[in-house]
Amino acid sequence: MMKLNLNDTFNKELPADSNVSNTRRQVFDAAFSFVSPRVPSHPKLLHVADEVAELLGISQAETQSLDFLNLVSGSAVYPDSKPYAMAYAGHQFGNWAGQLGDGRAINLFEMLHNNQRWTLQLKGAGETPYSRTADGFAVLRSSIREHLCSEAMHYLGVPTTRSLSLVTTGDKVLRDVLYNGNAAYEDGAVVCRVAPSFIRFGNFQLFAARKDSKNLKALADYTIEYFYPEITVPGKEKYLQFYQEVVNRTVEMVLHWQRVGFVHGVMNTDNMSILGLTIDYGPYGWLEDYDPDWTPNTTDAEGRRYRFRNQPDIALWNLVQLGNALYPLIEDIDSMEQVLNSYSQQFDSQFPIMQQQKLGLQAEYDADFQDELITLLTASETDMTIFYRNLANVVKTDTSDEALAKITIAFYQPDKIVTTLKTSWLNWMELYLEKIKAEVLSDEERKQAMNTINPKYVLRNYMAQLAIEAAEKEDYSLINELYTLLKNPYNEQLEQEKWFAKRPDWARHKVGCSMLSCSS
């Protein structure tokens, strides 16, 4: 048996559901319910993120053992551990949804390695008391997307939960991909997610909504003790500082999303980590043709609440809801408003710096210049990743025509960049050339700086879809190829140049490549 240094705290220090039956129900006066994963019929290990295993002190040899497979598939419960599902509530698409909870996630245990705390959680390992009308399982396609994207985001430098492993269960799961009445059986799978904690805004909202101040305080004290130990002041100031730190981490996370063009797709309050980590990879995507109003979520297709440009404002809205939940512990509206105001202050001061860095500019932010670029990127149907990456190839001695030629590959329909639109691009390039000529950085220094903030490779939905379709034919090589590629997203990797490409035409409207459902 693998020797792991278990150190459970959440399920020992916070109140447990007194009802130990695994039945769907409202759970009161509890932070979690004990529940065991369902044993799969024929589990098979498809992929392991070796660096995540290393974080946990699990050797490469151990990841190939039967003990490891049993652990990450839910086939066996680790000795002396007591798996559980968390209770939380939340706002979904702006509407209060009441109790939600871990409907298809089961926390196995907490452990310590190299003085770091980690929680291991299985997603797709069966029903819990919070599953409502669902079955608690996950399918292969959504699990591949979660596994690859968790790791891709980490290597992009975006705060995120991690993924240790991907396993097929050997069982079939009934799913309606687009919620249009065409349900079909698919291969079941389980992802082992890893994070210091999976506590969400919604954990606090549940207790607050039920006026359970005792457990609200217990949860806040617990979270501060283990995950914000730098907060040492007593009384209400402790919870105010806690709120401030969550705001600070959320600002950082969303700034990174906007930097790399990531669209989460389901920014419900129950999908907001109290640690400022990207959590719950459902219908996500990257801006390919630059459309600030794009959302990858079919459920959000009409309202577009979670569109790319709206993510900073939604994060603030969610923080307001967290503030409402924490209010009974603080009871100081003025101070809490100052904390909330700091969100916009931080974002508004850091976002322009980031935008300048993406252009390789150190001079003062030029709002008109940046706004014109966004207008042009949108009007031209421009691939965001390719545009910013290739812009680094522009040199001070280029003409505006030569500079424009270097980013033309980013246009999905380059033959439409004519007349007024082309003139506007040339004018913008002329201004850009003037700006880089005024910079002290050399062309090579600027390129190096830009290439550390603008990735060359991101997990485009069509890439994940290709891996899914191959895996459905029992070919798992593409999962490993993409995992390896995305571990170094800022490197040139010339042997992998085929992935530095716009979304192909066949993927423009294909299910899984453009819009996705919450079961994706």
Protein backbone atom coordinates (compact mmCIF):
# COMPACT_ATOMS: atom_id res chain seq x y z
CA MET A 1 0.00 0.00 0.00
CA MET A 2 1.25 3.52 -0.82
CA LYS A 3 2.27 5.40 2.30
CA LEU A 4 0.51 8.76 2.35
CA ASN A 5 0.64 11.20 5.24
CA LEU A 6 -3.08 11.61 5.93
CA ASN A 7 -4.07 14.66 7.94
CA ASP A 8 -7.83 15.12 7.80
CA THR A 9 -9.17 18.32 9.33
CA PHE A 10 -12.35 19.35 7.48
CA ASN A 11 -14.21 16.16 8.34
CA LYS A 12 -12.88 16.14 11.90
CA GLU A 13 -13.20 19.76 12.99
CA LEU A 14 -16.45 20.74 11.29
CA PRO A 15 -19.92 19.26 11.93
CA ALA A 16 -20.91 16.11 10.06
CA ASP A 17 -24.33 15.16 8.75
CA SER A 18 -25.84 12.91 11.40
CA ASN A 19 -27.72 10.94 8.74
CA VAL A 20 -25.25 8.47 7.22
CA SER A 21 -27.59 7.15 4.52
CA ASN A 22 -26.67 8.10 0.97
CA THR A 23 -30.07 9.52 0.06
CA ARG A 24 -30.82 12.79 -1.74
CA ARG A 25 -32.10 15.26 0.81
CA GLN A 26 -31.72 18.64 2.46
CA VAL A 27 -28.84 18.50 4.93
CA PHE A 28 -28.94 20.78 7.99
CA ASP A 29 -26.46 21.74 10.70
CA ALA A 30 -23.59 20.10 8.83
CA ALA A 31 -20.64 21.06 6.61
CA PHE A 32 -20.53 17.66 4.90
CA SER A 33 -21.96 14.14 4.66
CA PHE A 34 -19.91 10.96 4.88
CA VAL A 35 -20.21 8.98 1.67
CA SER A 36 -18.14 6.34 -0.13
CA PRO A 37 -17.35 6.25 -3.85
CA ARG A 38 -19.14 3.67 -5.93
CA VAL A 39 -16.89 0.79 -6.95
CA PRO A 40 -16.50 0.78 -10.75
CA SER A 41 -16.80 -2.46 -12.69
CA HIS A 42 -13.59 -2.38 -14.76
CA PRO A 43 -11.45 0.68 -13.97
CA LYS A 44 -8.59 1.53 -16.30
CA LEU A 45 -5.95 4.20 -15.77
CA LEU A 46 -5.64 6.40 -18.86
CA HIS A 47 -3.32 9.14 -17.70
CA VAL A 48 -1.42 10.43 -14.67
CA ALA A 49 -0.06 13.94 -14.22
CA ASP A 50 3.37 12.95 -12.93
CA GLU A 51 4.15 16.36 -11.46
CA VAL A 52 0.94 16.33 -9.40
CA ALA A 53 1.84 12.85 -8.16
CA GLU A 54 5.23 14.25 -7.17
CA LEU A 55 3.53 17.05 -5.20
CA LEU A 56 1.80 14.33 -3.20
CA GLY A 57 4.92 12.23 -2.72
CA ILE A 58 3.65 9.45 -4.99
CA SER A 59 6.41 7.91 -7.11
CA GLN A 60 6.10 7.11 -10.78
CA ALA A 61 6.28 3.40 -9.97
CA GLU A 62 3.48 3.77 -7.43
CA THR A 63 1.22 5.45 -9.98
CA GLN A 64 1.33 2.25 -12.01
CA SER A 65 0.32 0.06 -9.06
CA LEU A 66 -3.04 -1.56 -8.37
CA ASP A 67 -3.22 0.38 -5.09
CA PHE A 68 -3.06 3.66 -7.00
CA LEU A 69 -5.72 2.57 -9.48
CA ASN A 70 -7.97 1.47 -6.63
CA LEU A 71 -7.52 4.84 -4.93
CA VAL A 72 -8.15 7.14 -7.90
CA SER A 73 -11.01 5.08 -9.34
CA GLY A 74 -12.95 4.77 -6.10
CA SER A 75 -12.45 1.00 -6.01
CA ALA A 76 -11.05 1.07 -2.49
CA VAL A 77 -11.07 3.57 0.36
CA TYR A 78 -7.63 4.41 1.71
CA PRO A 79 -7.08 2.95 5.21
CA ASP A 80 -8.23 5.18 8.09
CA SER A 81 -9.86 7.71 5.76
CA LYS A 82 -13.51 8.78 5.79
CA PRO A 83 -14.60 10.17 2.39
CA TYR A 84 -17.25 12.87 2.33
CA ALA A 85 -19.23 15.26 0.15
CA MET A 86 -19.39 18.96 1.04
CA ALA A 87 -22.59 20.88 1.68
CA TYR A 88 -22.91 24.28 0.02
CA ALA A 89 -25.44 26.53 -1.67
CA GLY A 90 -25.16 29.18 -4.34
CA HIS A 91 -26.44 31.54 -6.98
CA GLN A 92 -26.70 29.92 -10.41
CA PHE A 93 -26.91 32.35 -13.33
CA GLY A 94 -27.74 35.08 -10.83
CA ASN A 95 -30.60 33.21 -9.15
CA TRP A 96 -30.55 31.76 -5.65
CA ALA A 97 -30.58 27.98 -5.96
CA GLY A 98 -30.52 27.00 -2.30
CA GLN A 99 -28.67 23.86 -1.24
CA LEU A 100 -26.43 22.43 -3.96
CA GLY A 101 -23.40 20.57 -2.57
CA ASP A 102 -20.97 18.04 -4.02
CA GLY A 103 -23.38 16.21 -6.30
CA ARG A 104 -20.72 14.23 -8.14
CA ALA A 105 -17.59 14.95 -6.13
CA ILE A 106 -16.32 12.95 -3.18
CA ASN A 107 -13.42 14.18 -1.05
CA LEU A 108 -11.21 11.22 -0.21
CA PHE A 109 -8.91 12.73 2.43
CA GLU A 110 -6.48 15.50 3.22
CA MET A 111 -2.77 14.83 3.33
CA LEU A 112 0.49 16.62 4.00
CA HIS A 113 3.64 16.45 1.91
CA ASN A 114 6.61 18.81 2.15
CA ASN A 115 4.58 20.96 4.57
CA GLN A 116 1.84 21.49 2.01
CA ARG A 117 -1.77 20.45 2.57
CA TRP A 118 -3.67 18.74 -0.24
CA THR A 119 -7.19 17.41 -0.58
CA LEU A 120 -7.83 14.57 -3.03
CA GLN A 121 -11.29 14.52 -4.57
CA LEU A 122 -12.91 12.14 -7.04
CA LYS A 123 -15.25 13.68 -9.59
CA GLY A 124 -17.69 11.25 -11.15
CA ALA A 125 -17.50 8.49 -8.53
CA GLY A 126 -21.20 8.22 -7.78
CA GLU A 127 -24.12 9.86 -6.06
CA THR A 128 -24.12 11.76 -2.80
CA PRO A 129 -26.91 13.29 -0.68
CA TYR A 130 -26.41 16.42 -2.83
CA SER A 131 -26.89 14.77 -6.23
CA ARG A 132 -30.51 15.95 -6.46
CA THR A 133 -31.92 14.31 -9.62
CA ALA A 134 -28.52 13.36 -11.07
CA ASP A 135 -26.52 10.14 -10.80
CA GLY A 136 -23.20 11.53 -9.58
CA PHE A 137 -21.24 10.08 -12.49
CA ALA A 138 -19.09 11.75 -15.13
CA VAL A 139 -18.43 10.76 -18.73
CA LEU A 140 -15.15 10.36 -20.55
CA ARG A 141 -15.45 13.51 -22.68
CA SER A 142 -16.01 15.86 -19.73
CA SER A 143 -13.34 14.11 -17.70
CA ILE A 144 -10.72 14.47 -20.44
CA ARG A 145 -11.55 18.16 -20.69
CA GLU A 146 -11.25 18.65 -16.93
CA HIS A 147 -8.03 16.66 -16.58
CA LEU A 148 -6.22 18.40 -19.43
CA CYS A 149 -7.48 21.88 -18.68
CA SER A 150 -6.66 21.79 -14.97
CA GLU A 151 -3.04 21.09 -15.82
CA ALA A 152 -2.94 23.42 -18.85
CA MET A 153 -4.13 26.31 -16.68
CA HIS A 154 -1.46 25.62 -14.06
CA TYR A 155 1.32 25.79 -16.63
CA LEU A 156 -0.16 28.98 -18.07
CA GLY A 157 0.36 30.49 -14.63
CA VAL A 158 -3.34 30.70 -13.78
CA PRO A 159 -4.37 29.84 -10.18
CA THR A 160 -6.22 26.53 -10.46
CA THR A 161 -7.15 23.23 -8.92
CA ARG A 162 -5.02 20.39 -10.29
CA SER A 163 -5.78 16.95 -11.71
CA LEU A 164 -3.84 13.87 -10.68
CA SER A 165 -5.37 11.20 -12.87
CA LEU A 166 -7.94 10.16 -15.42
CA VAL A 167 -9.64 6.77 -15.18
CA THR A 168 -12.38 5.04 -17.16
CA THR A 169 -14.80 3.03 -15.03
CA GLY A 170 -15.94 0.35 -17.46
CA ASP A 171 -19.52 1.48 -16.83
CA LYS A 172 -21.92 3.30 -19.14
CA VAL A 173 -23.51 6.61 -18.20
CA LEU A 174 -26.65 8.08 -19.76
CA ARG A 175 -26.21 11.70 -20.86
CA ASP A 176 -28.08 14.25 -22.98
CA VAL A 177 -25.20 16.32 -24.37
CA LEU A 178 -27.21 19.35 -25.47
CA TYR A 179 -30.25 18.87 -23.22
CA ASN A 180 -32.43 18.42 -26.30
CA GLY A 181 -33.98 15.02 -25.56
CA ASN A 182 -31.32 12.95 -27.34
CA ALA A 183 -29.82 11.05 -24.43
CA ALA A 184 -27.29 8.31 -25.13
CA TYR A 185 -25.00 6.02 -23.18
CA GLU A 186 -21.36 7.06 -22.91
CA ASP A 187 -18.23 5.73 -21.23
CA GLY A 188 -18.00 6.62 -17.55
CA ALA A 189 -14.83 8.17 -16.13
CA VAL A 190 -13.39 9.61 -12.93
CA VAL A 191 -10.93 12.46 -12.44
CA CYS A 192 -8.93 12.77 -9.24
CA ARG A 193 -8.80 16.48 -8.50
CA VAL A 194 -6.23 17.98 -6.14
CA ALA A 195 -6.24 21.31 -4.29
CA PRO A 196 -5.37 22.60 -0.83
CA SER A 197 -9.13 22.79 -0.31
CA PHE A 198 -12.32 22.75 -2.36
CA ILE A 199 -14.20 25.19 -0.12
CA ARG A 200 -16.36 27.55 -2.19
CA PHE A 201 -18.23 30.81 -1.67
CA GLY A 202 -21.33 28.63 -1.51
CA ASN A 203 -20.17 26.82 1.63
CA PHE A 204 -20.53 30.09 3.52
CA GLN A 205 -23.73 31.03 1.71
CA LEU A 206 -25.48 27.87 2.89
CA PHE A 207 -24.97 28.60 6.58
CA ALA A 208 -25.75 32.30 6.17
CA ALA A 209 -28.99 31.61 4.29
CA ARG A 210 -30.09 29.32 7.11
CA LYS A 211 -29.05 31.87 9.76
CA ASP A 212 -26.72 29.24 11.19
CA SER A 213 -24.21 31.70 12.66
CA LYS A 214 -22.52 29.06 14.80
CA ASN A 215 -21.46 26.92 11.85
CA LEU A 216 -20.77 29.97 9.68
CA LYS A 217 -18.23 31.12 12.26
CA ALA A 218 -16.81 27.61 12.61
CA LEU A 219 -16.28 27.36 8.85
CA ALA A 220 -14.66 30.81 8.67
CA ASP A 221 -12.38 30.07 11.62
CA TYR A 222 -11.40 26.75 10.09
CA THR A 223 -10.64 28.29 6.66
CA ILE A 224 -8.54 31.08 8.18
CA GLU A 225 -6.61 28.71 10.43
CA TYR A 226 -5.55 26.35 7.66
CA PHE A 227 -5.50 28.48 4.51
CA TYR A 228 -5.00 32.08 5.68
CA PRO A 229 -2.71 31.59 8.69
CA GLU A 230 -1.16 35.01 8.13
CA ILE A 231 -4.38 36.50 9.55
CA THR A 232 -3.74 36.69 13.29
CA VAL A 233 -5.92 39.59 14.48
CA PRO A 234 -8.86 38.71 16.75
CA GLY A 235 -12.56 39.50 16.59
CA LYS A 236 -14.45 40.95 13.64
CA GLU A 237 -11.27 42.37 12.10
CA LYS A 238 -10.17 38.77 11.48
CA TYR A 239 -13.14 38.09 9.20
CA LEU A 240 -12.77 41.45 7.47
CA GLN A 241 -9.14 40.66 6.63
CA PHE A 242 -10.25 37.24 5.45
CA TYR A 243 -12.77 38.87 3.11
CA GLN A 244 -10.05 41.20 1.83
CA GLU A 245 -7.69 38.33 1.08
CA VAL A 246 -10.38 36.44 -0.85
CA VAL A 247 -11.01 39.61 -2.88
CA ASN A 248 -7.28 39.95 -3.60
CA ARG A 249 -6.95 36.36 -4.79
CA THR A 250 -10.09 36.60 -6.93
CA VAL A 251 -8.73 39.71 -8.67
CA GLU A 252 -5.52 37.85 -9.48
CA MET A 253 -7.37 34.83 -10.86
CA VAL A 254 -9.68 36.84 -13.14
CA LEU A 255 -6.81 38.99 -14.42
CA HIS A 256 -5.07 35.80 -15.54
CA TRP A 257 -8.26 34.59 -17.24
CA GLN A 258 -8.47 37.82 -19.23
CA ARG A 259 -4.75 37.68 -20.03
CA VAL A 260 -4.89 34.27 -21.72
CA GLY A 261 -8.41 34.62 -23.16
CA PHE A 262 -10.01 31.96 -20.95
CA VAL A 263 -13.79 31.89 -20.54
CA HIS A 264 -14.98 29.88 -17.54
CA GLY A 265 -18.56 29.51 -18.70
CA VAL A 266 -20.21 28.82 -15.32
CA MET A 267 -19.23 31.49 -12.81
CA ASN A 268 -21.92 30.55 -10.31
CA THR A 269 -21.07 31.32 -6.69
CA ASP A 270 -20.80 27.60 -5.97
CA ASN A 271 -18.04 27.49 -8.60
CA MET A 272 -15.96 30.19 -6.90
CA SER A 273 -13.07 28.91 -4.80
CA ILE A 274 -12.47 30.58 -1.44
CA LEU A 275 -8.75 30.25 -2.28
CA GLY A 276 -8.98 32.14 -5.58
CA LEU A 277 -8.45 29.02 -7.70
CA THR A 278 -10.11 28.24 -11.00
CA ILE A 279 -12.49 25.43 -10.12
CA ASP A 280 -14.99 23.23 -12.00
CA TYR A 281 -14.05 22.90 -15.67
CA GLY A 282 -17.36 22.42 -17.46
CA PRO A 283 -18.25 24.39 -20.59
CA TYR A 284 -15.06 26.46 -20.77
CA GLY A 285 -13.19 27.77 -23.76
CA TRP A 286 -10.60 30.19 -25.10
CA LEU A 287 -11.34 33.17 -27.28
CA GLU A 288 -10.45 32.03 -30.77
CA ASP A 289 -12.18 34.49 -33.05
CA TYR A 290 -11.98 37.49 -30.73
CA ASP A 291 -15.52 38.06 -29.50
CA PRO A 292 -15.75 39.70 -26.06
CA ASP A 293 -19.41 38.64 -25.86
CA TRP A 294 -18.71 34.94 -26.41
CA THR A 295 -19.69 32.34 -23.83
CA PRO A 296 -19.02 28.60 -24.32
CA ASN A 297 -22.11 27.61 -22.31
CA THR A 298 -25.28 26.56 -24.16
CA THR A 299 -27.28 27.23 -20.99
CA ASP A 300 -26.03 30.82 -21.12
CA ALA A 301 -26.48 31.30 -24.86
CA GLU A 302 -29.33 33.78 -24.57
CA GLY A 303 -28.36 35.93 -21.59
CA ARG A 304 -24.59 35.59 -22.02
CA ARG A 305 -24.16 36.39 -18.35
CA TYR A 306 -20.77 34.67 -18.26
CA ARG A 307 -19.34 36.07 -21.51
CA PHE A 308 -15.63 36.90 -21.66
CA ARG A 309 -15.91 40.65 -21.14
CA ASN A 310 -18.30 40.20 -18.22
CA GLN A 311 -16.08 37.92 -16.12
CA PRO A 312 -14.49 40.72 -14.02
CA ASP A 313 -17.92 42.16 -13.17
CA ILE A 314 -19.38 38.73 -12.36
CA ALA A 315 -16.48 38.00 -10.03
CA LEU A 316 -17.32 41.24 -8.20
CA TRP A 317 -21.02 40.31 -8.09
CA ASN A 318 -20.08 36.96 -6.59
CA LEU A 319 -17.88 38.68 -4.01
CA VAL A 320 -20.87 40.79 -3.02
CA GLN A 321 -22.78 37.56 -2.35
CA LEU A 322 -19.87 36.25 -0.29
CA GLY A 323 -19.90 39.53 1.63
CA ASN A 324 -23.59 39.08 2.36
CA ALA A 325 -22.79 35.62 3.75
CA LEU A 326 -19.93 36.90 5.92
CA TYR A 327 -21.82 39.94 7.19
CA PRO A 328 -23.05 38.28 10.41
CA LEU A 329 -19.39 37.81 11.40
CA ILE A 330 -18.36 41.39 10.59
CA GLU A 331 -21.43 43.65 10.87
CA ASP A 332 -19.59 46.66 9.49
CA ILE A 333 -21.08 47.80 6.20
CA ASP A 334 -18.64 50.67 5.66
CA SER A 335 -15.56 48.50 6.11
CA MET A 336 -17.00 45.76 3.91
CA GLU A 337 -17.77 48.28 1.18
CA GLN A 338 -14.14 49.42 1.32
CA VAL A 339 -13.06 45.81 0.80
CA LEU A 340 -15.41 45.48 -2.17
CA ASN A 341 -14.27 48.79 -3.62
CA SER A 342 -10.70 47.52 -3.48
CA TYR A 343 -11.66 44.87 -6.04
CA SER A 344 -12.31 47.44 -8.76
CA GLN A 345 -9.36 49.55 -7.65
CA GLN A 346 -7.00 46.61 -7.93
CA PHE A 347 -8.44 45.39 -11.20
CA ASP A 348 -8.51 48.85 -12.77
CA SER A 349 -4.88 49.45 -11.81
CA GLN A 350 -3.52 46.04 -12.81
CA PHE A 351 -5.50 45.38 -15.99
CA PRO A 352 -3.88 48.24 -17.97
CA ILE A 353 -0.43 47.06 -16.91
CA MET A 354 -1.25 43.56 -18.14
CA GLN A 355 -2.59 44.90 -21.44
CA GLN A 356 0.59 46.91 -21.96
CA GLN A 357 2.69 43.84 -21.20
CA LYS A 358 0.77 41.84 -23.79
CA LEU A 359 1.83 44.46 -26.35
CA GLY A 360 5.41 44.59 -25.08
CA LEU A 361 5.04 48.23 -24.01
CA GLN A 362 6.40 49.82 -20.86
CA ALA A 363 5.07 53.32 -21.50
CA GLU A 364 1.94 54.74 -19.90
CA TYR A 365 -1.32 53.01 -20.81
CA ASP A 366 -3.03 54.51 -23.86
CA ALA A 367 -6.73 53.73 -23.47
CA ASP A 368 -7.72 54.91 -26.96
CA PHE A 369 -4.96 52.83 -28.55
CA GLN A 370 -5.98 49.70 -26.59
CA ASP A 371 -9.69 50.26 -27.25
CA GLU A 372 -9.04 50.59 -30.98
CA LEU A 373 -7.15 47.29 -30.91
CA ILE A 374 -10.10 45.51 -29.25
CA THR A 375 -12.43 47.01 -31.86
CA LEU A 376 -10.18 45.78 -34.68
CA LEU A 377 -9.68 42.30 -33.20
CA THR A 378 -13.44 41.93 -32.90
CA ALA A 379 -14.31 43.33 -36.33
CA SER A 380 -11.67 41.19 -38.07
CA GLU A 381 -12.54 37.81 -36.49
CA THR A 382 -9.04 37.48 -35.13
CA ASP A 383 -7.55 34.57 -33.22
CA MET A 384 -6.47 36.12 -29.92
CA THR A 385 -3.68 33.68 -29.08
CA ILE A 386 -2.06 33.80 -32.52
CA PHE A 387 -2.38 37.59 -32.80
CA TYR A 388 -0.57 38.42 -29.57
CA ARG A 389 2.05 35.73 -30.08
CA ASN A 390 2.88 36.87 -33.63
CA LEU A 391 2.80 40.54 -32.70
CA ALA A 392 6.06 39.84 -30.88
CA ASN A 393 7.69 39.27 -34.29
CA VAL A 394 7.17 42.90 -35.32
CA VAL A 395 10.42 44.89 -35.28
CA LYS A 396 11.10 48.61 -35.11
CA THR A 397 12.28 48.81 -38.71
CA ASP A 398 9.08 47.29 -40.14
CA THR A 399 6.71 49.32 -42.25
CA SER A 400 3.07 49.20 -41.21
CA ASP A 401 2.42 46.85 -44.16
CA GLU A 402 5.21 44.52 -43.05
CA ALA A 403 3.95 44.58 -39.47
CA LEU A 404 0.39 43.80 -40.55
CA ALA A 405 1.62 40.89 -42.69
CA LYS A 406 3.15 39.28 -39.60
CA ILE A 407 -0.21 38.98 -37.85
CA THR A 408 -2.40 38.26 -40.91
CA ILE A 409 -2.30 34.53 -40.14
CA ALA A 410 -4.43 35.31 -37.07
CA PHE A 411 -7.39 36.38 -39.23
CA TYR A 412 -10.01 33.72 -39.87
CA GLN A 413 -11.00 35.45 -43.11
CA PRO A 414 -7.93 37.42 -44.23
CA ASP A 415 -9.49 38.18 -47.62
CA LYS A 416 -12.01 40.40 -45.81
CA ILE A 417 -9.31 42.67 -44.35
CA VAL A 418 -9.74 45.26 -47.12
CA THR A 419 -10.73 48.90 -47.66
CA THR A 420 -11.60 50.74 -44.43
CA LEU A 421 -10.80 47.78 -42.14
CA LYS A 422 -7.34 47.35 -43.65
CA THR A 423 -6.69 51.08 -43.42
CA SER A 424 -7.65 51.03 -39.76
CA TRP A 425 -5.25 48.15 -39.14
CA LEU A 426 -2.43 49.94 -40.95
CA ASN A 427 -3.06 53.06 -38.92
CA TRP A 428 -2.98 51.07 -35.71
CA MET A 429 0.26 49.36 -36.76
CA GLU A 430 1.78 52.73 -37.56
CA LEU A 431 1.02 53.88 -34.02
CA TYR A 432 2.31 50.60 -32.59
CA LEU A 433 5.59 50.99 -34.48
CA GLU A 434 5.94 54.52 -33.12
CA LYS A 435 5.41 53.21 -29.59
CA ILE A 436 7.95 50.38 -29.79
CA LYS A 437 10.52 52.73 -31.38
CA ALA A 438 10.17 54.96 -28.31
CA GLU A 439 10.85 52.02 -25.96
CA VAL A 440 14.32 51.28 -24.60
CA LEU A 441 13.85 47.52 -25.07
CA SER A 442 15.43 46.01 -28.13
CA ASP A 443 13.26 43.99 -30.53
CA GLU A 444 14.63 40.76 -29.08
CA GLU A 445 14.11 41.87 -25.47
CA ARG A 446 10.56 42.91 -26.21
CA LYS A 447 9.85 39.63 -27.95
CA GLN A 448 11.16 37.63 -25.01
CA ALA A 449 9.04 39.66 -22.60
CA MET A 450 5.90 39.26 -24.71
CA ASN A 451 6.45 35.53 -25.11
CA THR A 452 6.42 35.06 -21.34
CA ILE A 453 2.94 36.55 -21.00
CA ASN A 454 1.31 35.57 -24.33
CA PRO A 455 1.11 31.77 -24.64
CA LYS A 456 1.73 30.03 -27.93
CA TYR A 457 -0.40 27.01 -27.04
CA VAL A 458 -3.74 26.81 -25.23
CA LEU A 459 -6.24 23.97 -24.93
CA ARG A 460 -8.58 24.92 -27.73
CA ASN A 461 -11.88 23.07 -27.65
CA TYR A 462 -11.24 21.38 -30.98
CA MET A 463 -7.97 19.97 -29.61
CA ALA A 464 -9.76 18.50 -26.61
CA GLN A 465 -12.45 17.15 -28.94
CA LEU A 466 -9.86 15.35 -31.07
CA ALA A 467 -8.45 13.74 -27.93
CA ILE A 468 -11.97 12.75 -26.85
CA GLU A 469 -12.84 11.18 -30.20
CA ALA A 470 -9.56 9.24 -30.24
CA ALA A 471 -10.10 8.07 -26.64
CA GLU A 472 -13.59 6.85 -27.50
CA LYS A 473 -11.82 4.52 -29.95
CA GLU A 474 -9.42 3.46 -27.16
CA ASP A 475 -6.55 5.55 -28.54
CA TYR A 476 -5.22 7.58 -25.62
CA SER A 477 -2.03 8.85 -27.24
CA LEU A 478 -3.46 12.28 -27.99
CA ILE A 479 -4.26 12.86 -24.31
CA ASN A 480 -0.60 12.39 -23.49
CA GLU A 481 0.55 14.46 -26.49
CA LEU A 482 -1.61 17.42 -25.51
CA TYR A 483 -0.66 17.09 -21.85
CA THR A 484 3.04 17.23 -22.80
CA LEU A 485 2.47 20.16 -25.18
CA LEU A 486 0.53 22.20 -22.63
CA LYS A 487 3.15 21.78 -19.92
CA ASN A 488 5.24 24.34 -21.82
CA PRO A 489 2.70 26.71 -23.36
CA TYR A 490 5.12 29.64 -23.72
CA ASN A 491 7.86 27.63 -25.47
CA GLU A 492 8.12 27.47 -29.25
CA GLN A 493 8.07 23.63 -29.45
CA LEU A 494 8.64 23.72 -33.20
CA GLU A 495 7.98 19.97 -33.44
CA GLN A 496 4.43 20.71 -32.25
CA GLU A 497 3.78 23.64 -34.59
CA LYS A 498 0.63 21.96 -35.93
CA TRP A 499 -1.12 22.96 -32.69
CA PHE A 500 -0.28 26.63 -33.21
CA ALA A 501 -3.22 27.01 -35.55
CA LYS A 502 -6.63 28.58 -35.76
CA ARG A 503 -9.71 26.51 -35.06
CA PRO A 504 -10.40 24.53 -38.26
CA ASP A 505 -13.58 25.21 -40.22
CA TRP A 506 -15.04 21.80 -39.32
CA ALA A 507 -14.95 22.82 -35.64
CA ARG A 508 -16.74 26.16 -36.02
CA HIS A 509 -20.17 24.80 -35.07
CA LYS A 510 -19.35 21.22 -34.06
CA VAL A 511 -20.66 20.03 -30.68
CA GLY A 512 -17.78 20.09 -28.22
CA CYS A 513 -15.80 22.60 -30.25
CA SER A 514 -17.89 25.76 -30.00
CA MET A 515 -20.76 25.77 -27.50
CA LEU A 516 -20.88 23.18 -24.75
CA SER A 517 -23.42 22.16 -22.15
CA CYS A 518 -22.87 21.83 -18.41
CA SER A 519 -22.50 18.07 -18.95
CA SER A 520 -19.54 18.70 -21.24
